[in-house]
Protein backbone atom coordinates (compact mmCIF):
# COMPACT_ATOMS: atom_id res chain seq x y z
CA UNK A 1 -55.62 -108.45 19.82
CA UNK A 2 -55.55 -104.73 19.22
CA UNK A 3 -54.37 -103.66 22.63
CA UNK A 4 -51.60 -101.94 24.52
CA UNK A 5 -49.39 -104.96 24.06
CA UNK A 6 -49.77 -104.68 20.29
CA UNK A 7 -48.91 -101.01 20.36
CA UNK A 8 -45.74 -101.82 22.27
CA UNK A 9 -44.88 -105.11 20.55
CA UNK A 10 -42.08 -103.29 18.71
CA UNK A 11 -40.83 -101.17 21.58
CA UNK A 12 -38.16 -99.21 19.71
CA UNK A 13 -39.35 -95.73 18.83
CA UNK A 14 -37.25 -93.79 16.35
CA UNK A 15 -34.17 -95.98 16.30
CA UNK A 16 -32.45 -93.45 14.12
CA UNK A 17 -32.99 -90.84 16.79
CA UNK A 18 -31.52 -93.07 19.45
CA UNK A 19 -28.55 -93.81 17.22
CA UNK A 20 -27.86 -90.15 16.50
CA UNK A 21 -28.12 -89.25 20.17
CA UNK A 22 -24.71 -90.75 20.78
CA UNK A 23 -22.95 -89.52 17.68
CA UNK A 24 -20.95 -87.05 19.70
CA UNK A 25 -19.23 -89.89 21.50
CA UNK A 26 -15.70 -90.66 20.26
CA UNK A 27 -16.30 -94.35 19.65
CA UNK A 28 -14.30 -94.80 16.46
CA UNK A 29 -15.36 -96.23 13.08
CA UNK A 30 -15.24 -99.90 14.13
CA UNK A 31 -17.29 -99.27 17.23
CA UNK A 32 -19.86 -97.23 15.32
CA UNK A 33 -20.11 -100.01 12.73
CA UNK A 34 -20.60 -102.62 15.47
CA UNK A 35 -23.34 -100.61 17.12
CA UNK A 36 -25.01 -99.87 13.79
CA UNK A 37 -25.08 -103.56 12.93
CA UNK A 38 -27.03 -104.15 16.13
CA UNK A 39 -29.63 -101.56 15.15
CA UNK A 40 -29.89 -103.12 11.71
CA UNK A 41 -30.48 -106.55 13.21
CA UNK A 42 -33.17 -105.13 15.47
CA UNK A 43 -34.89 -103.32 12.62
CA UNK A 44 -34.86 -106.59 10.67
CA UNK A 45 -36.70 -108.26 13.56
CA UNK A 46 -33.83 -110.55 14.53
CA UNK A 47 -33.78 -110.12 18.31
CA UNK A 48 -31.42 -113.02 18.99
CA UNK A 49 -28.84 -111.58 16.60
CA UNK A 50 -29.30 -108.17 18.18
CA UNK A 51 -28.51 -109.61 21.61
CA UNK A 52 -25.40 -111.37 20.29
CA UNK A 53 -24.14 -108.24 18.56
CA UNK A 54 -24.66 -106.14 21.66
CA UNK A 55 -22.99 -108.82 23.79
CA UNK A 56 -19.96 -108.46 21.53
CA UNK A 57 -20.11 -104.66 21.56
CA UNK A 58 -20.32 -104.45 25.34
CA UNK A 59 -17.46 -106.90 25.67
CA UNK A 60 -15.26 -104.95 23.25
CA UNK A 61 -16.25 -101.50 24.54
CA UNK A 62 -17.06 -102.03 28.23
CA UNK A 63 -16.53 -98.36 29.06
CA UNK A 64 -17.30 -96.88 25.65
CA UNK A 65 -19.19 -93.58 25.33
CA UNK A 66 -22.19 -95.31 23.76
CA UNK A 67 -22.47 -98.21 26.16
CA UNK A 68 -25.83 -96.85 27.35
CA UNK A 69 -27.27 -97.11 23.83
CA UNK A 70 -26.08 -100.69 23.49
CA UNK A 71 -27.71 -101.61 26.79
CA UNK A 72 -31.02 -100.04 25.76
CA UNK A 73 -30.93 -101.87 22.44
CA UNK A 74 -30.11 -105.20 24.06
CA UNK A 75 -32.83 -104.59 26.63
CA UNK A 76 -35.40 -104.02 23.89
CA UNK A 77 -34.36 -107.19 22.10
CA UNK A 78 -34.52 -109.19 25.32
CA UNK A 79 -37.99 -107.82 26.00
CA UNK A 80 -39.14 -109.04 22.60
CA UNK A 81 -37.65 -112.45 23.44
CA UNK A 82 -39.70 -112.48 26.69
CA UNK A 83 -36.55 -112.31 28.80
CA UNK A 84 -38.07 -109.77 31.16
CA UNK A 85 -35.44 -110.15 33.87
CA UNK A 86 -32.61 -109.60 31.41
CA UNK A 87 -34.39 -106.65 29.82
CA UNK A 88 -34.99 -105.01 33.18
CA UNK A 89 -31.34 -105.44 34.18
CA UNK A 90 -30.09 -103.94 30.89
CA UNK A 91 -32.40 -100.95 31.04
CA UNK A 92 -31.60 -100.15 34.66
CA UNK A 93 -27.89 -100.40 33.89
CA UNK A 94 -28.40 -98.13 30.87
CA UNK A 95 -30.07 -95.53 33.07
CA UNK A 96 -27.11 -95.57 35.43
CA UNK A 97 -24.78 -94.94 32.48
CA UNK A 98 -26.96 -92.71 30.26
CA UNK A 99 -25.30 -89.49 29.07
CA UNK A 100 -28.16 -88.01 27.04
CA UNK A 101 -31.71 -87.16 28.07
CA UNK A 102 -33.10 -88.79 24.94
CA UNK A 103 -31.43 -92.08 25.84
CA UNK A 104 -32.75 -91.84 29.40
CA UNK A 105 -36.26 -91.20 28.12
CA UNK A 106 -36.19 -94.25 25.86
CA UNK A 107 -34.69 -96.41 28.61
CA UNK A 108 -37.39 -95.34 31.07
CA UNK A 109 -40.12 -95.95 28.48
CA UNK A 110 -38.93 -99.46 27.76
CA UNK A 111 -38.47 -100.14 31.47
CA UNK A 112 -42.10 -99.11 32.01
CA UNK A 113 -43.24 -101.74 29.53
CA UNK A 114 -41.06 -104.40 31.12
CA UNK A 115 -42.37 -103.51 34.58
CA UNK A 116 -45.97 -103.63 33.31
CA UNK A 117 -45.48 -107.13 31.93
CA UNK A 118 -43.84 -108.17 35.21
CA UNK A 119 -46.91 -106.85 37.06
CA UNK A 120 -44.81 -104.23 38.85
CA UNK A 121 -47.22 -101.33 38.49
CA UNK A 122 -45.40 -98.92 40.85
CA UNK A 123 -42.23 -99.22 38.75
CA UNK A 124 -44.22 -98.86 35.53
CA UNK A 125 -45.90 -95.69 36.83
CA UNK A 126 -42.67 -94.11 38.05
CA UNK A 127 -40.81 -94.99 34.84
CA UNK A 128 -43.51 -93.34 32.72
CA UNK A 129 -43.35 -90.19 34.81
CA UNK A 130 -39.60 -90.13 34.25
CA UNK A 131 -40.12 -90.35 30.47
CA UNK A 132 -42.14 -87.14 30.56
CA UNK A 133 -39.44 -85.48 32.66
CA UNK A 134 -36.53 -86.66 30.49
CA UNK A 135 -37.93 -86.34 26.96
CA UNK A 136 -37.23 -83.29 24.84
CA UNK A 137 -39.62 -81.33 22.68
CA UNK A 138 -38.95 -82.60 19.15
CA UNK A 139 -41.39 -84.71 17.14
CA UNK A 140 -39.81 -88.01 18.22
CA UNK A 141 -39.98 -86.98 21.87
CA UNK A 142 -43.65 -86.02 21.53
CA UNK A 143 -44.42 -89.47 20.14
CA UNK A 144 -42.54 -91.09 22.98
CA UNK A 145 -44.33 -88.98 25.60
CA UNK A 146 -47.69 -89.86 24.06
CA UNK A 147 -46.87 -93.56 24.39
CA UNK A 148 -45.67 -92.99 27.95
CA UNK A 149 -48.95 -91.28 28.90
CA UNK A 150 -50.87 -94.22 27.45
CA UNK A 151 -48.78 -96.77 29.33
CA UNK A 152 -49.09 -94.70 32.50
CA UNK A 153 -52.87 -94.75 32.12
CA UNK A 154 -52.92 -98.54 31.74
CA UNK A 155 -50.73 -98.99 34.81
CA UNK A 156 -52.92 -96.67 36.89
CA UNK A 157 -56.00 -98.63 35.83
CA UNK A 158 -54.34 -101.80 37.07
CA UNK A 159 -53.96 -100.02 40.41
CA UNK A 160 -57.65 -99.08 40.42
CA UNK A 161 -56.89 -95.36 39.88
CA UNK A 162 -59.44 -94.94 37.11
CA UNK A 163 -60.00 -91.18 37.25
CA UNK A 164 -56.29 -90.39 37.30
CA UNK A 165 -55.80 -92.75 34.37
CA UNK A 166 -58.39 -90.87 32.30
CA UNK A 167 -56.28 -87.70 32.42
CA UNK A 168 -53.31 -89.53 30.91
CA UNK A 169 -55.40 -91.15 28.19
CA UNK A 170 -56.72 -87.72 27.24
CA UNK A 171 -53.16 -86.41 27.12
CA UNK A 172 -52.00 -89.37 25.03
CA UNK A 173 -54.82 -88.82 22.57
CA UNK A 174 -54.04 -85.10 22.29
CA UNK A 175 -50.37 -85.74 21.56
CA UNK A 176 -50.93 -88.73 19.25
CA UNK A 177 -53.34 -87.00 16.87
CA UNK A 178 -55.36 -89.22 14.53
CA UNK A 179 -53.52 -92.48 15.14
CA UNK A 180 -54.10 -96.00 16.41
CA UNK A 181 -52.72 -94.91 19.78
CA UNK A 182 -55.25 -92.07 19.99
CA UNK A 183 -58.10 -94.48 19.23
CA UNK A 184 -56.86 -96.92 21.86
CA UNK A 185 -56.60 -94.14 24.43
CA UNK A 186 -60.14 -92.96 23.66
CA UNK A 187 -61.39 -96.51 24.14
CA UNK A 188 -60.02 -96.68 27.68
CA UNK A 189 -61.41 -93.37 28.92
CA UNK A 190 -64.24 -93.69 31.46
CA UNK A 191 -63.56 -97.38 32.05
CA UNK A 192 -64.09 -98.41 35.65
CA UNK A 193 -63.89 -102.22 35.65
CA UNK A 194 -62.49 -105.28 33.87
CA UNK A 195 -64.02 -107.86 31.59
CA UNK A 196 -62.92 -110.76 29.38
CA UNK A 197 -63.12 -110.20 25.64
CA UNK A 198 -64.10 -113.44 23.92
CA UNK A 199 -64.14 -112.37 20.31
CA UNK A 200 -64.71 -109.44 17.95
CA UNK A 201 -67.02 -109.80 14.93
CA UNK A 202 -68.04 -107.77 11.93
CA UNK A 203 -71.71 -108.75 12.23
CA UNK A 204 -74.02 -108.73 15.23
CA UNK A 205 -75.42 -112.13 14.24
CA UNK A 206 -71.98 -113.74 14.54
CA UNK A 207 -71.36 -112.04 17.87
CA UNK A 208 -74.76 -113.13 19.19
CA UNK A 209 -74.03 -116.73 18.20
CA UNK A 210 -70.66 -116.67 19.96
CA UNK A 211 -72.22 -115.18 23.10
CA UNK A 212 -74.96 -117.82 23.08
CA UNK A 213 -72.35 -120.58 22.95
CA UNK A 214 -70.62 -119.13 26.00
CA UNK A 215 -73.89 -118.77 27.90
CA UNK A 216 -74.68 -122.40 27.18
CA UNK A 217 -71.51 -123.21 29.13
CA UNK A 218 -72.55 -121.13 32.14
CA UNK A 219 -70.48 -118.08 31.17
CA UNK A 220 -72.44 -114.85 31.24
CA UNK A 221 -71.67 -113.18 27.93
CA UNK A 222 -72.90 -109.91 26.42
CA UNK A 223 -72.43 -108.23 23.05
CA UNK A 224 -71.11 -104.67 22.92
CA UNK A 225 -70.98 -102.43 19.85
CA UNK A 226 -67.57 -100.84 19.32
CA UNK A 227 -66.82 -98.19 16.70
CA UNK A 228 -63.14 -97.56 17.49
CA UNK A 229 -61.24 -97.71 15.22
CA UNK A 230 -63.78 -99.54 12.97
CA UNK A 231 -67.34 -100.78 13.61
CA UNK A 232 -67.47 -104.25 15.14
CA UNK A 233 -69.27 -106.26 17.81
CA UNK A 234 -67.40 -107.37 20.91
CA UNK A 235 -68.32 -110.39 23.02
CA UNK A 236 -67.52 -109.82 26.69
CA UNK A 237 -67.80 -112.07 29.72
CA UNK A 238 -68.36 -110.61 33.18
CA UNK A 239 -67.61 -107.33 34.89
CA UNK A 240 -64.93 -107.45 37.58
CA UNK A 241 -63.66 -104.86 40.04
CA UNK A 242 -60.01 -105.92 39.78
CA UNK A 243 -57.71 -107.17 37.06
CA UNK A 244 -56.88 -110.22 39.16
CA UNK A 245 -60.54 -111.27 39.28
CA UNK A 246 -60.86 -110.89 35.52
CA UNK A 247 -57.63 -112.80 34.95
CA UNK A 248 -58.98 -115.69 36.98
CA UNK A 249 -62.18 -115.73 34.90
CA UNK A 250 -60.07 -115.66 31.74
CA UNK A 251 -58.85 -119.19 32.46
CA UNK A 252 -62.40 -120.53 32.17
CA UNK A 253 -63.22 -118.52 29.05
CA UNK A 254 -60.07 -119.73 27.30
CA UNK A 255 -61.35 -123.29 27.50
CA UNK A 256 -63.92 -122.27 24.88
CA UNK A 257 -62.26 -119.23 23.27
CA UNK A 258 -58.50 -119.65 23.30
CA UNK A 259 -57.78 -116.13 22.01
CA UNK A 260 -59.74 -114.43 24.81
CA UNK A 261 -58.02 -111.74 26.88
CA UNK A 262 -58.72 -109.27 29.68
CA UNK A 263 -59.97 -105.78 28.76
CA UNK A 264 -61.24 -102.69 30.52
CA UNK A 265 -64.93 -101.85 30.45
CA UNK A 266 -67.25 -99.11 31.66
């Protein structure tokens, strides 16, 4: 699924930037090494090890100058492990302790993603707005703000605020340049409803066959041509006013197409 969740599946943006943000803190060589080992574990994709290393760091340096970084890192790892409650707690605690605007921006960004997955759209929206307020103007911050605008747009769509969402998708696309994020943002502009995507195919014949199978099982399916980021044919089922209605329909579609998921549509 090429979607917002894929874009944010590795939530950490510019780990090196986050690490350098706290270099002014007098942590000491052993503390720096402990924190660095956590970043290395995260970059290697070992979220469980990251959590353990940050558990140890926070135990050994409970009031250390880079405690906020450790909490953000542990929160990101917990998010990847689907521990949304733990991730939310870490990120909120990090915000209370954050000393640098860059750390606050990254904490708010990650909190927005956690809130989105917890279906807390008001918190997701507010957290994204805080990213824009807290981020600086360097290249890493611009990338982060672009992602925040995209996430903000998705959260506003979930609230039915389609026109307001369009403005943030346009902004995300402008900041992201020619990237996957820009293509995703362009694909969500002018959407005003929800549907269930039940497959993406390289040929129209394959898509037509898949749609016919769904229609044979009393599921109204249509084929839509999509050229972003590459030409393909999308099979969609239904057009729903709310995400909740589409999510309910998804349960029926999954009985025949187990990789189906909810998408926006015009």
